[in-house]
Protein backbone atom coordinates (compact mmCIF):
# COMPACT_ATOMS: atom_id res chain seq x y z
CA MET A 1 49.60 149.15 89.69
CA ALA A 2 47.35 151.53 88.98
CA ALA A 3 47.98 150.91 85.32
CA THR A 4 46.81 147.87 85.64
CA VAL A 5 42.96 147.00 85.26
CA ALA A 6 40.65 145.71 88.03
CA PRO A 7 40.33 141.91 88.10
CA PRO A 8 37.78 141.65 85.51
CA VAL A 9 35.85 138.90 87.41
CA MET A 10 35.54 141.08 90.66
CA GLU A 11 34.51 143.91 88.12
CA ALA A 12 31.52 141.80 86.63
CA ARG A 13 30.22 141.10 90.08
CA ARG A 14 29.73 144.73 91.17
CA TRP A 15 27.46 144.69 87.98
CA LEU A 16 24.93 142.58 90.61
CA LEU A 17 24.84 145.36 93.02
CA GLY A 18 21.29 146.43 93.50
CA VAL A 19 19.77 144.28 90.92
CA THR A 20 16.90 142.06 92.08
CA PHE A 21 16.57 138.77 90.09
CA PRO A 22 12.57 137.69 90.56
CA PRO A 23 12.14 134.22 91.65
CA GLU A 24 10.81 133.14 88.44
CA ARG A 25 14.16 134.29 86.64
CA PRO A 26 17.07 133.71 89.02
CA LEU A 27 20.75 134.89 88.02
CA ILE A 28 22.58 131.98 85.75
CA ASN A 29 26.21 133.10 86.56
CA VAL A 30 28.38 132.07 83.38
CA SER A 31 31.31 134.49 84.51
CA GLN A 32 33.63 132.32 86.35
CA ALA A 33 35.44 129.30 85.21
CA ALA A 34 35.60 127.55 88.82
CA PRO A 35 34.01 124.78 90.43
CA VAL A 36 31.56 125.65 93.01
CA GLU A 37 30.81 122.24 94.64
CA SER A 38 33.14 120.37 97.48
CA PRO A 39 35.73 117.96 96.53
CA PRO A 40 34.41 114.31 96.62
CA LEU A 41 33.61 112.74 100.09
CA GLY A 42 37.37 110.43 100.00
CA LEU A 43 39.17 113.46 99.29
CA ARG A 44 37.75 115.75 101.68
CA GLN A 45 38.07 112.83 104.18
CA ALA A 46 42.01 112.48 103.29
CA LEU A 47 41.93 116.14 104.24
CA ALA A 48 40.51 116.00 107.39
CA ASP A 49 42.64 113.12 108.41
CA ALA A 50 45.41 115.15 107.44
CA ALA A 51 44.50 117.84 109.61
CA LEU A 52 43.57 115.68 112.76
CA ASN A 53 46.57 113.45 112.68
CA ASN A 54 49.86 114.65 110.26
CA PRO A 55 51.50 117.09 112.35
CA ASP A 56 53.74 118.05 109.17
CA ALA A 57 50.45 119.05 107.65
CA HIS A 58 50.74 122.57 109.97
CA LEU A 59 54.33 123.19 109.08
CA TYR A 60 56.36 124.91 106.67
CA GLY A 61 57.31 122.16 104.04
CA PRO A 62 59.93 122.01 101.06
CA VAL A 63 59.77 125.42 98.59
CA LEU A 64 59.23 123.50 95.44
CA GLY A 65 56.65 121.40 97.10
CA LEU A 66 56.50 117.69 98.65
CA PRO A 67 58.66 115.20 97.44
CA ALA A 68 55.76 112.43 96.92
CA LEU A 69 53.53 114.99 95.12
CA ARG A 70 56.53 116.00 92.66
CA ALA A 71 57.29 112.17 92.20
CA GLU A 72 53.67 111.17 91.49
CA ILE A 73 53.61 113.97 88.73
CA ALA A 74 56.51 113.41 87.46
CA SER A 75 55.65 109.46 87.05
CA GLN A 76 51.94 110.20 85.38
CA TRP A 77 53.09 112.98 83.40
CA SER A 78 55.95 110.63 82.14
CA ALA A 79 53.41 108.03 81.18
CA ASN A 80 50.64 110.41 79.67
CA TYR A 81 52.94 112.40 77.49
CA GLY A 82 55.32 109.58 76.54
CA GLY A 83 58.34 111.38 77.64
CA THR A 84 60.71 111.34 80.59
CA ILE A 85 60.12 113.91 83.41
CA ALA A 86 62.04 113.81 86.56
CA PRO A 87 60.50 114.78 89.92
CA ALA A 88 63.49 117.36 89.95
CA GLN A 89 61.72 119.06 87.27
CA ILE A 90 58.78 119.82 88.95
CA ALA A 91 57.68 122.64 91.26
CA ILE A 92 54.15 122.95 93.39
CA THR A 93 52.65 126.27 93.51
CA GLN A 94 49.68 128.08 95.25
CA GLY A 95 47.66 127.69 92.06
CA CYS A 96 48.43 128.12 88.40
CA ASN A 97 48.43 131.56 88.34
CA GLN A 98 51.66 131.63 90.78
CA ALA A 99 52.97 129.33 88.70
CA PHE A 100 52.82 131.85 85.55
CA CYS A 101 53.84 134.52 87.70
CA ALA A 102 56.84 132.80 89.13
CA VAL A 103 58.11 131.51 85.88
CA MET A 104 57.29 134.84 83.85
CA SER A 105 59.80 136.48 87.05
CA THR A 106 62.70 134.25 85.73
CA LEU A 107 62.09 135.07 82.13
CA ALA A 108 61.10 139.17 81.63
CA GLY A 109 61.43 142.25 83.22
CA ALA A 110 60.60 146.33 82.66
CA GLY A 111 61.18 146.73 79.03
CA ASP A 112 60.93 143.10 77.72
CA GLU A 113 58.20 141.60 75.52
CA VAL A 114 56.11 138.38 75.68
CA ILE A 115 53.93 137.10 73.12
CA LEU A 116 50.19 136.51 73.96
CA PRO A 117 47.56 135.08 71.65
CA THR A 118 44.00 136.97 71.56
CA PRO A 119 41.86 136.56 73.11
CA TRP A 120 44.02 136.06 76.08
CA TYR A 121 43.96 135.19 79.90
CA PHE A 122 43.53 138.53 81.65
CA ASN A 123 45.32 137.44 84.58
CA HIS A 124 48.34 136.72 82.14
CA LYS A 125 48.09 140.40 80.69
CA MET A 126 47.89 141.68 84.12
CA TRP A 127 50.93 140.21 85.84
CA LEU A 128 53.10 141.40 82.73
CA ASP A 129 51.41 144.99 82.96
CA MET A 130 52.35 144.88 86.79
CA GLN A 131 56.38 144.04 85.82
CA GLY A 132 56.37 146.47 82.97
CA VAL A 133 56.47 144.06 80.52
CA THR A 134 55.02 144.84 77.33
CA ALA A 135 52.30 141.77 75.92
CA VAL A 136 52.78 141.49 72.30
CA PRO A 137 49.11 140.53 71.30
CA LEU A 138 49.20 137.60 68.65
CA PRO A 139 45.52 137.99 66.98
CA ALA A 140 44.19 134.32 66.88
CA GLY A 141 43.46 132.68 63.30
CA GLU A 142 40.48 130.48 62.67
CA GLY A 143 38.79 128.25 65.18
CA LEU A 144 41.03 130.87 67.54
CA ILE A 145 44.03 128.64 66.79
CA PRO A 146 47.21 130.63 66.86
CA VAL A 147 49.71 130.51 63.89
CA ALA A 148 53.11 130.06 64.78
CA ALA A 149 54.58 131.91 61.13
CA VAL A 150 52.45 135.15 62.13
CA ALA A 151 54.13 134.41 65.94
CA ALA A 152 57.46 134.74 63.89
CA THR A 153 56.81 138.34 62.50
CA LEU A 154 56.52 139.53 66.15
CA ILE A 155 60.00 138.54 67.58
CA THR A 156 62.35 141.04 68.70
CA PRO A 157 65.36 141.65 70.42
CA ARG A 158 63.24 142.04 73.46
CA THR A 159 60.97 139.12 72.93
CA ARG A 160 61.65 136.53 75.93
CA ALA A 161 58.74 134.23 75.67
CA ILE A 162 55.61 133.07 74.16
CA VAL A 163 52.77 131.95 75.91
CA LEU A 164 49.91 129.42 74.82
CA VAL A 165 46.94 128.22 76.64
CA SER A 166 45.10 124.81 75.68
CA PRO A 167 42.49 124.08 75.91
CA ASN A 168 42.09 127.51 75.76
CA ASN A 169 40.81 130.41 78.10
CA PRO A 170 38.98 132.25 77.23
CA GLY A 171 38.59 130.72 73.79
CA GLY A 172 38.01 126.77 74.27
CA ALA A 173 40.23 125.88 71.44
CA GLU A 174 42.17 122.66 72.00
CA TYR A 175 45.13 123.38 69.85
CA PRO A 176 46.41 120.76 67.54
CA SER A 177 49.60 118.78 68.55
CA GLU A 178 51.07 120.10 65.11
CA THR A 179 50.68 123.84 66.28
CA LEU A 180 52.12 123.39 69.47
CA ALA A 181 54.99 121.60 67.63
CA ALA A 182 55.54 124.87 65.48
CA PHE A 183 55.43 127.30 68.27
CA ARG A 184 58.49 125.03 69.89
CA ASP A 185 60.38 124.64 66.86
CA LEU A 186 59.56 129.00 66.42
CA ALA A 187 60.92 129.20 70.30
CA ARG A 188 63.79 126.88 70.16
CA ALA A 189 65.01 128.64 67.07
CA HIS A 190 65.03 132.20 68.65
CA GLY A 191 66.05 131.40 72.13
CA LEU A 192 62.80 131.80 73.66
CA ALA A 193 60.73 129.87 76.09
CA LEU A 194 57.49 128.51 75.44
CA ILE A 195 54.87 128.27 78.08
CA VAL A 196 52.03 126.12 77.56
CA ASP A 197 49.30 126.58 80.40
CA GLU A 198 47.21 123.13 80.28
CA THR A 199 45.03 123.86 83.44
CA TYR A 200 41.83 122.52 81.55
CA ARG A 201 43.63 119.48 80.04
CA ASP A 202 41.76 116.96 82.20
CA PHE A 203 38.51 117.97 80.07
CA ASP A 204 40.23 118.17 76.59
CA SER A 205 37.50 116.53 74.16
CA ARG A 206 40.41 114.18 72.41
CA SER A 207 41.71 111.15 73.51
CA GLY A 208 45.41 110.02 74.26
CA ARG A 209 47.92 112.50 74.70
CA PRO A 210 47.27 116.35 73.29
CA HIS A 211 50.47 116.70 72.09
CA GLU A 212 54.17 115.05 71.74
CA LEU A 213 56.19 117.84 73.41
CA PHE A 214 57.63 115.89 75.98
CA THR A 215 58.72 113.31 73.85
CA ASP A 216 61.28 115.31 72.51
CA PRO A 217 64.36 114.52 74.90
CA ASP A 218 65.57 118.18 74.64
CA TRP A 219 62.32 119.40 75.84
CA ALA A 220 63.56 120.94 79.02
CA ASP A 221 65.72 123.60 76.90
CA THR A 222 62.68 125.69 75.67
CA LEU A 223 59.37 124.39 77.43
CA ILE A 224 57.80 125.10 80.37
CA GLN A 225 54.33 123.40 81.25
CA LEU A 226 52.01 124.76 83.89
CA TYR A 227 48.86 122.81 85.40
CA SER A 228 46.15 123.64 88.00
CA PHE A 229 44.70 121.13 90.34
CA SER A 230 41.86 123.25 91.17
CA LYS A 231 39.73 122.17 88.38
CA ALA A 232 40.32 118.10 88.29
CA TYR A 233 39.49 117.77 92.16
CA ARG A 234 37.45 120.80 92.99
CA LEU A 235 40.88 122.20 95.10
CA THR A 236 40.27 125.82 94.16
CA GLY A 237 40.36 127.32 97.66
CA HIS A 238 43.59 124.76 98.41
CA ARG A 239 45.45 126.68 95.89
CA VAL A 240 47.60 123.74 94.06
CA GLY A 241 49.23 124.49 91.03
CA SER A 242 52.75 123.02 89.09
CA ILE A 243 55.36 123.75 87.02
CA VAL A 244 57.31 121.41 84.52
CA ALA A 245 60.60 123.03 83.55
CA SER A 246 64.40 122.42 83.64
CA GLU A 247 66.00 121.89 86.88
CA THR A 248 67.99 125.21 85.94
CA ARG A 249 64.95 127.19 85.80
CA LEU A 250 63.20 126.07 88.96
CA ALA A 251 66.25 126.71 90.86
CA GLU A 252 65.49 130.48 89.50
CA VAL A 253 61.87 130.03 90.38
CA GLU A 254 62.41 128.67 93.78
CA LYS A 255 63.93 132.23 94.77
CA PHE A 256 60.61 133.68 93.92
CA LEU A 257 58.57 131.17 95.46
CA ASP A 258 60.56 131.43 98.85
CA THR A 259 60.02 135.27 99.09
CA VAL A 260 56.67 135.12 97.92
CA ALA A 261 55.01 132.17 99.83
CA ILE A 262 57.84 130.12 101.80
CA CYS A 263 55.90 127.06 100.49
CA PRO A 264 52.65 125.83 98.90
CA SER A 265 49.42 124.65 101.18
CA GLN A 266 50.60 121.36 102.91
CA LEU A 267 46.80 120.53 102.90
CA GLY A 268 46.38 121.03 99.36
CA GLN A 269 49.50 119.39 98.29
CA ILE A 270 47.93 116.28 100.54
CA GLY A 271 44.59 116.70 98.86
CA ALA A 272 46.05 116.85 95.07
CA LEU A 273 48.42 113.72 95.79
CA TRP A 274 45.32 111.81 97.13
CA GLY A 275 43.15 112.67 94.26
CA MET A 276 46.13 111.55 91.94
CA GLN A 277 46.23 108.50 93.30
CA ASN A 278 42.45 107.59 93.92
CA LEU A 279 40.47 109.55 91.39
CA SER A 280 40.66 108.70 88.09
CA GLN A 281 37.74 107.41 87.60
CA TRP A 282 36.08 109.82 89.09
CA VAL A 283 37.52 112.74 87.05
CA ALA A 284 36.55 110.88 84.02
CA GLY A 285 33.22 111.14 84.89
CA GLU A 286 33.49 115.04 85.48
CA ARG A 287 35.28 115.05 82.04
CA ASP A 288 32.21 113.21 80.35
CA GLU A 289 29.43 115.67 82.21
CA ILE A 290 31.45 118.75 80.73
CA LEU A 291 31.86 117.47 77.46
CA ALA A 292 27.93 116.73 77.42
CA ARG A 293 27.42 120.50 78.32
CA ARG A 294 29.80 121.69 75.58
CA ALA A 295 27.91 119.58 73.01
CA ALA A 296 24.76 121.46 74.80
CA MET A 297 26.81 124.89 74.03
CA VAL A 298 27.59 123.97 70.38
CA GLY A 299 23.91 122.92 69.78
CA GLY A 300 22.39 126.14 70.96
CA PHE A 301 24.14 128.54 69.34
CA HIS A 302 24.18 126.76 66.21
CA ALA A 303 20.38 127.23 66.84
CA LEU A 304 20.34 130.66 67.66
CA PRO A 305 20.07 133.26 65.15
CA GLY A 306 22.77 136.13 64.70
CA TRP A 307 24.77 134.56 67.28
CA LYS A 308 28.59 132.99 66.08
CA LEU A 309 30.33 130.39 67.86
CA LEU A 310 34.02 131.05 67.63
CA GLY A 311 35.53 128.54 69.97
CA CYS A 312 34.01 125.96 72.64
CA GLY A 313 35.69 123.46 74.64
CA ALA A 314 36.80 122.97 78.13
CA TYR A 315 34.79 125.29 80.55
CA PHE A 316 34.36 128.07 77.61
CA ALA A 317 32.35 128.90 74.88
CA TYR A 318 33.57 132.08 73.12
CA VAL A 319 31.12 133.69 70.78
CA GLU A 320 30.19 136.76 68.63
CA HIS A 321 27.20 138.71 69.49
CA PRO A 322 24.86 140.12 66.84
CA PHE A 323 24.26 143.46 68.57
CA ASP A 324 25.18 147.24 67.44
CA ILE A 325 26.56 147.72 70.75
CA ALA A 326 29.83 147.29 72.69
CA SER A 327 29.95 143.91 74.52
CA ASP A 328 30.68 145.32 77.85
CA VAL A 329 27.48 147.32 77.59
CA LEU A 330 25.52 144.46 76.52
CA CYS A 331 26.94 142.49 79.28
CA LYS A 332 25.90 144.72 81.69
CA ARG A 333 22.27 144.83 80.45
CA LEU A 334 22.01 141.23 80.07
CA VAL A 335 22.51 141.09 84.07
CA ALA A 336 19.48 143.67 84.59
CA GLU A 337 17.40 142.43 81.64
CA ALA A 338 17.91 138.79 81.39
CA GLY A 339 19.52 137.62 84.62
CA LEU A 340 22.80 136.45 82.88
CA LEU A 341 26.45 137.55 84.12
CA MET A 342 28.84 137.05 81.37
CA LEU A 343 32.23 138.68 80.33
CA PRO A 344 32.53 140.90 77.32
CA GLY A 345 35.62 140.36 75.01
CA THR A 346 36.55 143.70 75.98
CA MET A 347 38.33 141.90 79.01
CA PHE A 348 40.29 139.43 76.75
CA GLN A 349 41.49 142.00 74.42
CA PRO A 350 43.75 144.90 73.90
CA GLU A 351 42.02 148.14 74.71
CA GLY A 352 40.07 149.49 71.59
CA SER A 353 39.93 145.98 69.98
CA PRO A 354 36.82 146.06 67.70
CA ASP A 355 36.98 142.22 68.18
CA GLY A 356 36.19 142.60 71.92
CA LYS A 357 33.32 144.97 71.09
CA ARG A 358 31.94 141.89 69.48
CA GLN A 359 32.83 138.89 71.82
CA ILE A 360 31.65 137.35 75.16
CA ARG A 361 33.04 134.29 77.15
CA ILE A 362 30.37 132.09 78.84
CA ALA A 363 32.17 129.81 81.29
CA PHE A 364 29.49 126.79 81.05
CA ALA A 365 30.87 124.23 83.79
CA ASN A 366 28.83 125.07 86.73
CA VAL A 367 25.63 125.53 84.58
CA ASP A 368 23.74 121.97 84.07
CA ALA A 369 21.50 120.99 80.97
CA ALA A 370 18.25 122.77 82.22
CA GLY A 371 20.24 125.92 83.24
CA ILE A 372 21.90 125.77 79.85
CA THR A 373 18.37 125.72 78.15
CA GLU A 374 17.22 128.44 79.98
CA MET A 375 20.03 130.66 79.00
CA PHE A 376 19.54 130.07 75.54
CA ARG A 377 15.94 130.70 76.05
CA ARG A 378 16.63 134.28 77.93
CA LEU A 379 19.43 135.01 74.57
CA ALA A 380 16.98 134.44 72.08
CA ALA A 381 14.25 136.48 73.76
CA PHE A 382 16.43 139.51 74.36
CA ARG A 383 16.00 142.76 72.45
CA ALA A 384 18.94 145.37 72.16
């Protein structure tokens, strides 16, 4: 544990201590990718009704989640992805981070290896470090898209899994269907698990299903999908995520979940189920707003001299800065000198990576059009 880095978002928040932000230049916080507003009224009313009138909402539930929620996910996922997914192939977890930890605990132990594309999601790296599992960095290619042929050169007898996040955190890249299929074929050929984290799939800019992985009748021999209800329904505090995997895999996952949490939050699951059944149009509106903010980010960086937009999608823009200082030093200065809180690329790359020193992640989902305009004004005025 001592060898694992401190949580990056918490570390960045400490940069705010002792800093005063004048009224004419309030802090613009683009450090964390989580909704800050409450769920819509109908969902809150459903939660309140369950808390008041459903005695089961306050008791332990099934370790792998409420049967009704598992069935709803199976039904909607089968329709959306064009495949066959059974309720028994679904598990509910306390958020997507727990989903990753639970799955990885069934796959890899101390001394094993897992391939993570870089820039990576820091909590994935942190969990592997805690378990003594080696995270093998796979540098992303053009457009921050990883290449299966490059990953093939990293596979050793100790490799247990490949992890992909699409739309990507931190890079924002939306992986092409062909890329995911190539990684599936690679993992299957080597007897590895392919873990695909789709936490941000509700904000994918593409129409139709993002990949064909579930149309493969044998998907469960290789694929494990992770998902979060936190972003789509603003349920971050209720901690609801999911795993889609083989029944055999979930039997092992159940051991982990029973030991760590016994069961996921009953109220959170009730809220997620109500959202799935009632909020499709509302979520579509949320997606439209995120896509509008994405367009503003793309346009803003294309007009900002010296800065390079490496990837942009879902909640994130991942950029290269033009200054002759490391990104962690730069981001601390931006807090004090520009009222901007961003995360440096050093938090998403291996220690000592020269790329990390040039890169910054900007989580723009909680900043409206006026805030985005003001952010670019401050970046343009900043002098290193």
